[in-house]
Amino acid sequence: MELKRFLWLVLTCYLCMTEKAQADASDSQIKGPPYRQHIQELHSLTTEFEPWAMLEIYGYSVEGRPLAMLRIEKPAKTKSTKTPAIFISGATHGNEYLNIVDRLPRWILDNKDHEPGLTQYLAAGGSFYIVPILNPDGYENHTRKNSNGKDLNRDFYLKFANQVYFTQPETKYLAEKIAELTSLHNKKLKLTIDYHCCDGSLLFPWSYTDKSLPDSDYLDHEHIAQLMLQTIGNDYRYGSTGQVLGYFPKGTSKDYFYSTHGAMAFTFEGHRRSEQYNFDGHLLWLLEVIKELN
């Protein structure tokens, strides 16, 4: 009996250590402010930069926290031809906050009249849709999943897979809001970047299969990856999820945005602890990418 109890304790300790190691492996180890401060900052930006910045509360999380997007665009009448939109998100996995996406809105608004490429993009009708914290419950609770225990980056619709999607409010309401904005304002979603941690890589579709993108689309994604290496650093890998990480998850945001909206769609996997210090490199990368869209 004592031997059985001993073996059970050993097994229990091993499982606990394994779970902790898995949690640590996906934890950016970058601590952010309380979620309410992110919301306060977005509110402040709408006041400081009216009418350029518009706060969109597009739903509520499982625990009732507001799901917030900042929409940045030049106030103007909707154009008859489609104009581009860029969607950038962070903390889809709540414990993978990088302190990058939440700093982007203020920088864009502060520099909209000073950076030629940015000025040209906005003047031509370009928009930014920025969600600093996509999974606020996971962010507050420091967990990868949302409060229903669901991995939100496995919950985006994919027509090629026999699986139920958009089961969670955080993903469902986001997809509905982006569809609404692009339709209402005659926008074409051209680029999406979802910030994660901690592989040090840039991933593009497909995630769910080892099937390659069409050559032209692959080259477009690869070009954006090359711009990343030139601006952020050359110690990052790039390619499809299967090529880089060796597994094939279904329901990722990039597969959804590529297949549904035809956007160039990426998951950026930052470095643990240190990615926040590469903020200037991320700004340079964004400016280089915008040149491609102008």
Protein backbone atom coordinates (compact mmCIF):
# COMPACT_ATOMS: atom_id res chain seq x y z
CA MET A 1 0.00 0.00 0.00
CA GLU A 2 2.84 2.38 0.91
CA LEU A 3 4.54 1.66 -2.41
CA LYS A 4 1.33 2.44 -4.31
CA ARG A 5 0.95 5.70 -2.40
CA PHE A 6 4.58 6.61 -3.14
CA LEU A 7 4.19 5.87 -6.84
CA TRP A 8 0.97 7.92 -6.93
CA LEU A 9 2.74 10.89 -5.33
CA VAL A 10 5.60 10.62 -7.81
CA LEU A 11 3.13 10.53 -10.72
CA THR A 12 1.18 13.49 -9.31
CA CYS A 13 4.36 15.56 -8.89
CA TYR A 14 5.45 14.67 -12.42
CA LEU A 15 2.11 15.76 -13.89
CA CYS A 16 2.21 19.02 -11.92
CA MET A 17 5.76 19.74 -13.10
CA THR A 18 4.79 18.91 -16.69
CA GLU A 19 1.77 21.22 -16.58
CA LYS A 20 3.92 24.01 -15.10
CA ALA A 21 6.59 23.50 -17.76
CA GLN A 22 3.95 23.69 -20.49
CA ALA A 23 2.52 26.87 -18.95
CA ASP A 24 5.98 28.44 -18.62
CA ALA A 25 6.79 27.50 -22.21
CA SER A 26 3.91 29.59 -23.51
CA ASP A 27 4.24 32.44 -21.01
CA SER A 28 5.88 35.60 -22.33
CA GLN A 29 6.96 36.56 -18.79
CA ILE A 30 6.12 40.17 -19.67
CA LYS A 31 3.71 41.68 -17.17
CA GLY A 32 1.19 44.22 -18.37
CA PRO A 33 -1.11 46.64 -16.55
CA PRO A 34 -4.64 45.65 -15.48
CA TYR A 35 -7.04 45.30 -18.38
CA ARG A 36 -9.05 48.33 -17.25
CA GLN A 37 -5.98 50.49 -17.92
CA HIS A 38 -5.90 49.29 -21.52
CA ILE A 39 -9.54 50.34 -21.87
CA GLN A 40 -8.81 53.70 -20.24
CA GLU A 41 -5.97 54.30 -22.72
CA LEU A 42 -8.23 53.57 -25.68
CA HIS A 43 -10.85 55.96 -24.29
CA SER A 44 -8.16 58.63 -23.87
CA LEU A 45 -7.02 58.22 -27.46
CA THR A 46 -10.56 58.74 -28.78
CA THR A 47 -10.70 62.03 -26.86
CA GLU A 48 -7.21 63.24 -27.77
CA PHE A 49 -7.41 62.33 -31.44
CA GLU A 50 -11.06 62.82 -32.32
CA PRO A 51 -12.26 62.14 -34.98
CA TRP A 52 -9.34 59.98 -36.15
CA ALA A 53 -9.69 57.38 -33.38
CA MET A 54 -12.93 55.52 -32.69
CA LEU A 55 -13.44 53.00 -29.89
CA GLU A 56 -15.47 49.96 -30.89
CA ILE A 57 -16.85 47.84 -28.03
CA TYR A 58 -17.83 44.83 -30.09
CA GLY A 59 -19.00 42.52 -27.32
CA TYR A 60 -18.18 41.15 -23.89
CA SER A 61 -15.97 38.31 -22.71
CA VAL A 62 -17.18 35.26 -20.81
CA GLU A 63 -16.55 37.10 -17.53
CA GLY A 64 -18.21 40.27 -18.82
CA ARG A 65 -15.18 42.38 -19.72
CA PRO A 66 -15.62 44.71 -22.72
CA LEU A 67 -14.03 43.53 -25.96
CA ALA A 68 -12.37 46.64 -27.35
CA MET A 69 -10.99 47.63 -30.75
CA LEU A 70 -9.53 50.98 -31.73
CA ARG A 71 -10.37 51.97 -35.29
CA ILE A 72 -7.99 54.53 -36.79
CA GLU A 73 -8.75 56.22 -40.10
CA LYS A 74 -9.04 59.62 -41.69
CA PRO A 75 -12.54 61.05 -41.25
CA ALA A 76 -14.01 61.07 -44.73
CA LYS A 77 -16.93 59.84 -46.76
CA THR A 78 -16.82 56.21 -47.78
CA LYS A 79 -15.10 55.85 -51.13
CA SER A 80 -16.69 54.10 -54.07
CA THR A 81 -13.67 51.83 -54.47
CA LYS A 82 -12.45 49.57 -51.67
CA THR A 83 -9.70 50.96 -49.45
CA PRO A 84 -7.32 48.84 -47.37
CA ALA A 85 -7.60 47.87 -43.71
CA ILE A 86 -4.97 46.34 -41.43
CA PHE A 87 -6.00 44.29 -38.40
CA ILE A 88 -3.51 43.81 -35.53
CA SER A 89 -4.25 41.90 -32.32
CA GLY A 90 -2.47 40.73 -29.19
CA ALA A 91 -2.94 38.35 -26.24
CA THR A 92 -5.21 35.90 -28.05
CA HIS A 93 -3.48 33.58 -25.64
CA GLY A 94 -3.89 35.53 -22.44
CA ASN A 95 -0.45 34.75 -21.04
CA GLU A 96 1.40 35.73 -24.21
CA TYR A 97 1.21 39.51 -23.83
CA LEU A 98 4.21 41.20 -25.52
CA ASN A 99 3.69 44.92 -24.77
CA ILE A 100 3.74 45.65 -28.53
CA VAL A 101 0.18 45.89 -29.82
CA ASP A 102 -1.06 48.07 -26.97
CA ARG A 103 1.61 50.70 -27.78
CA LEU A 104 0.83 50.84 -31.50
CA PRO A 105 -2.35 53.02 -31.46
CA ARG A 106 -0.74 56.00 -29.72
CA TRP A 107 2.34 55.81 -31.91
CA ILE A 108 0.24 55.70 -35.09
CA LEU A 109 -1.87 58.66 -33.98
CA ASP A 110 1.13 60.68 -32.78
CA ASN A 111 2.95 60.14 -36.08
CA LYS A 112 0.12 60.22 -38.63
CA ASP A 113 1.30 63.64 -39.89
CA HIS A 114 5.04 62.97 -39.66
CA GLU A 115 5.74 59.58 -41.23
CA PRO A 116 5.28 59.90 -45.02
CA GLY A 117 4.26 56.29 -45.62
CA LEU A 118 1.79 56.35 -42.76
CA THR A 119 0.40 59.72 -43.85
CA GLN A 120 -0.05 58.46 -47.41
CA TYR A 121 -1.75 55.25 -46.26
CA LEU A 122 -4.28 57.13 -44.11
CA ALA A 123 -4.82 59.89 -46.68
CA ALA A 124 -5.70 57.25 -49.28
CA GLY A 125 -8.42 55.90 -47.00
CA GLY A 126 -6.43 53.18 -45.23
CA SER A 127 -7.64 52.01 -41.82
CA PHE A 128 -6.21 50.26 -38.78
CA TYR A 129 -8.28 47.95 -36.61
CA ILE A 130 -6.30 47.26 -33.43
CA VAL A 131 -7.31 44.92 -30.58
CA PRO A 132 -4.58 45.17 -27.94
CA ILE A 133 -5.99 42.34 -25.77
CA LEU A 134 -8.17 39.86 -27.64
CA ASN A 135 -8.59 37.53 -24.64
CA PRO A 136 -9.12 39.84 -21.63
CA ASP A 137 -10.18 37.08 -19.21
CA GLY A 138 -7.10 35.01 -20.02
CA TYR A 139 -4.96 38.13 -19.77
CA GLU A 140 -6.33 39.02 -16.32
CA ASN A 141 -6.16 35.42 -15.08
CA HIS A 142 -2.76 34.83 -16.71
CA THR A 143 -3.96 31.79 -18.62
CA ARG A 144 -3.58 30.75 -22.23
CA LYS A 145 -7.28 29.96 -22.68
CA ASN A 146 -10.41 31.99 -22.02
CA SER A 147 -12.67 31.52 -19.00
CA ASN A 148 -14.49 28.63 -20.67
CA GLY A 149 -11.17 26.81 -20.98
CA LYS A 150 -11.14 27.30 -24.77
CA ASP A 151 -8.07 28.09 -26.85
CA LEU A 152 -9.29 31.05 -28.90
CA ASN A 153 -6.71 30.42 -31.60
CA ARG A 154 -8.47 27.14 -32.33
CA ASP A 155 -11.94 28.71 -32.54
CA PHE A 156 -11.85 30.65 -35.82
CA TYR A 157 -13.96 29.38 -38.70
CA LEU A 158 -12.29 27.22 -41.30
CA LYS A 159 -14.48 25.88 -44.07
CA PHE A 160 -12.01 23.11 -44.91
CA ALA A 161 -12.26 21.43 -41.50
CA ASN A 162 -15.11 19.43 -40.05
CA GLN A 163 -15.23 21.27 -36.75
CA VAL A 164 -17.52 23.74 -34.96
CA TYR A 165 -16.10 27.26 -34.79
CA PHE A 166 -16.90 30.66 -33.27
CA THR A 167 -18.15 28.97 -30.12
CA GLN A 168 -16.72 31.73 -27.90
CA PRO A 169 -17.81 35.37 -27.61
CA GLU A 170 -14.26 36.68 -28.00
CA THR A 171 -13.88 35.18 -31.49
CA LYS A 172 -17.50 35.30 -32.66
CA TYR A 173 -18.04 39.00 -31.93
CA LEU A 174 -14.65 39.95 -33.36
CA ALA A 175 -15.38 38.25 -36.68
CA GLU A 176 -18.82 39.88 -36.82
CA LYS A 177 -17.37 43.34 -36.11
CA ILE A 178 -14.67 43.07 -38.78
CA ALA A 179 -17.22 41.83 -41.32
CA GLU A 180 -19.48 44.74 -40.39
CA LEU A 181 -16.74 47.37 -40.65
CA THR A 182 -15.35 46.15 -43.95
CA SER A 183 -18.82 45.94 -45.49
CA LEU A 184 -20.16 49.21 -44.09
CA HIS A 185 -17.09 51.28 -44.99
CA ASN A 186 -16.17 49.50 -48.23
CA LYS A 187 -12.89 48.12 -46.91
CA LYS A 188 -10.64 45.31 -48.07
CA LEU A 189 -8.80 43.54 -45.27
CA LYS A 190 -5.28 43.42 -46.69
CA LEU A 191 -3.12 42.37 -43.74
CA THR A 192 -3.59 40.77 -40.32
CA ILE A 193 -0.97 40.20 -37.61
CA ASP A 194 -1.80 38.32 -34.41
CA TYR A 195 0.96 38.67 -31.80
CA HIS A 196 1.90 35.59 -29.75
CA CYS A 197 4.85 34.19 -27.84
CA CYS A 198 7.42 32.59 -27.65
CA ASP A 199 8.95 30.77 -30.63
CA GLY A 200 10.68 33.70 -32.34
CA SER A 201 9.04 33.22 -35.73
CA LEU A 202 6.56 34.56 -38.26
CA LEU A 203 3.93 32.01 -39.24
CA PHE A 204 1.63 32.17 -42.22
CA PRO A 205 -1.08 29.90 -43.65
CA TRP A 206 -1.78 27.19 -43.73
CA SER A 207 -1.92 26.03 -40.12
CA TYR A 208 -4.32 23.13 -40.48
CA THR A 209 -2.45 21.23 -43.20
CA ASP A 210 0.93 20.80 -44.85
CA LYS A 211 -0.61 21.97 -48.12
CA SER A 212 1.21 25.03 -49.47
CA LEU A 213 -0.33 28.35 -50.44
CA PRO A 214 -0.57 29.17 -54.14
CA ASP A 215 2.85 30.32 -55.35
CA SER A 216 1.92 33.99 -55.71
CA ASP A 217 0.37 34.14 -52.24
CA TYR A 218 3.31 32.31 -50.69
CA LEU A 219 5.73 34.78 -52.28
CA ASP A 220 3.68 37.71 -50.94
CA HIS A 221 3.85 36.28 -47.43
CA GLU A 222 7.53 35.49 -47.79
CA HIS A 223 8.22 39.08 -48.88
CA ILE A 224 6.59 40.39 -45.69
CA ALA A 225 8.71 37.92 -43.73
CA GLN A 226 11.87 39.20 -45.41
CA LEU A 227 10.90 42.75 -44.42
CA MET A 228 10.54 41.51 -40.85
CA LEU A 229 14.06 40.07 -40.88
CA GLN A 230 15.43 43.37 -42.18
CA THR A 231 13.68 45.53 -39.59
CA ILE A 232 13.16 43.52 -36.40
CA GLY A 233 16.08 41.10 -36.58
CA ASN A 234 17.44 38.12 -38.48
CA ASP A 235 17.08 35.64 -35.60
CA TYR A 236 13.47 34.78 -36.48
CA ARG A 237 12.23 31.83 -38.49
CA TYR A 238 9.34 32.01 -40.93
CA GLY A 239 7.02 29.75 -42.87
CA SER A 240 3.76 27.88 -42.39
CA THR A 241 2.92 26.54 -38.95
CA GLY A 242 3.73 23.01 -40.01
CA GLN A 243 7.07 24.01 -41.55
CA VAL A 244 8.19 25.95 -38.49
CA LEU A 245 6.49 24.29 -35.51
CA GLY A 246 5.84 20.81 -36.88
CA TYR A 247 2.15 20.50 -36.03
CA PHE A 248 -1.15 21.43 -37.69
CA PRO A 249 -3.69 23.28 -35.50
CA LYS A 250 -7.19 23.91 -36.80
CA GLY A 251 -9.08 27.14 -36.24
CA THR A 252 -6.26 29.70 -36.19
CA SER A 253 -6.96 33.35 -36.90
CA LYS A 254 -4.56 33.52 -39.83
CA ASP A 255 -6.24 30.63 -41.65
CA TYR A 256 -9.59 32.35 -41.12
CA PHE A 257 -8.51 35.81 -42.32
CA TYR A 258 -6.69 34.38 -45.32
CA SER A 259 -9.47 32.03 -46.42
CA THR A 260 -12.43 34.33 -45.65
CA HIS A 261 -11.07 37.82 -46.37
CA GLY A 262 -8.19 37.03 -48.74
CA ALA A 263 -5.78 38.91 -46.46
CA MET A 264 -2.10 38.30 -46.02
CA ALA A 265 -2.37 36.81 -42.54
CA PHE A 266 0.32 36.14 -39.96
CA THR A 267 0.97 34.93 -36.45
CA PHE A 268 4.00 36.69 -35.01
CA GLU A 269 5.71 34.63 -32.31
CA GLY A 270 7.84 36.98 -30.21
CA HIS A 271 10.75 36.18 -27.94
CA ARG A 272 10.11 35.51 -24.28
CA ARG A 273 10.86 38.47 -21.96
CA SER A 274 12.74 40.51 -24.57
CA GLU A 275 10.29 41.16 -27.44
CA GLN A 276 8.98 44.33 -25.81
CA TYR A 277 12.41 45.92 -26.34
CA ASN A 278 12.07 45.42 -30.12
CA PHE A 279 9.20 47.90 -30.38
CA ASP A 280 11.12 50.26 -32.70
CA GLY A 281 11.83 47.35 -35.01
CA HIS A 282 8.13 46.49 -35.13
CA LEU A 283 7.36 50.10 -36.06
CA LEU A 284 9.88 49.97 -38.90
CA TRP A 285 8.39 46.68 -40.08
CA LEU A 286 4.89 48.16 -40.07
CA LEU A 287 6.05 51.19 -42.05
CA GLU A 288 7.74 48.96 -44.63
CA VAL A 289 4.63 46.82 -44.96
CA ILE A 290 2.42 49.89 -45.38
CA LYS A 291 4.58 50.95 -48.34
CA GLU A 292 3.62 47.68 -50.01
CA LEU A 293 -0.08 48.50 -49.56
CA ASN A 294 0.08 52.12 -50.77
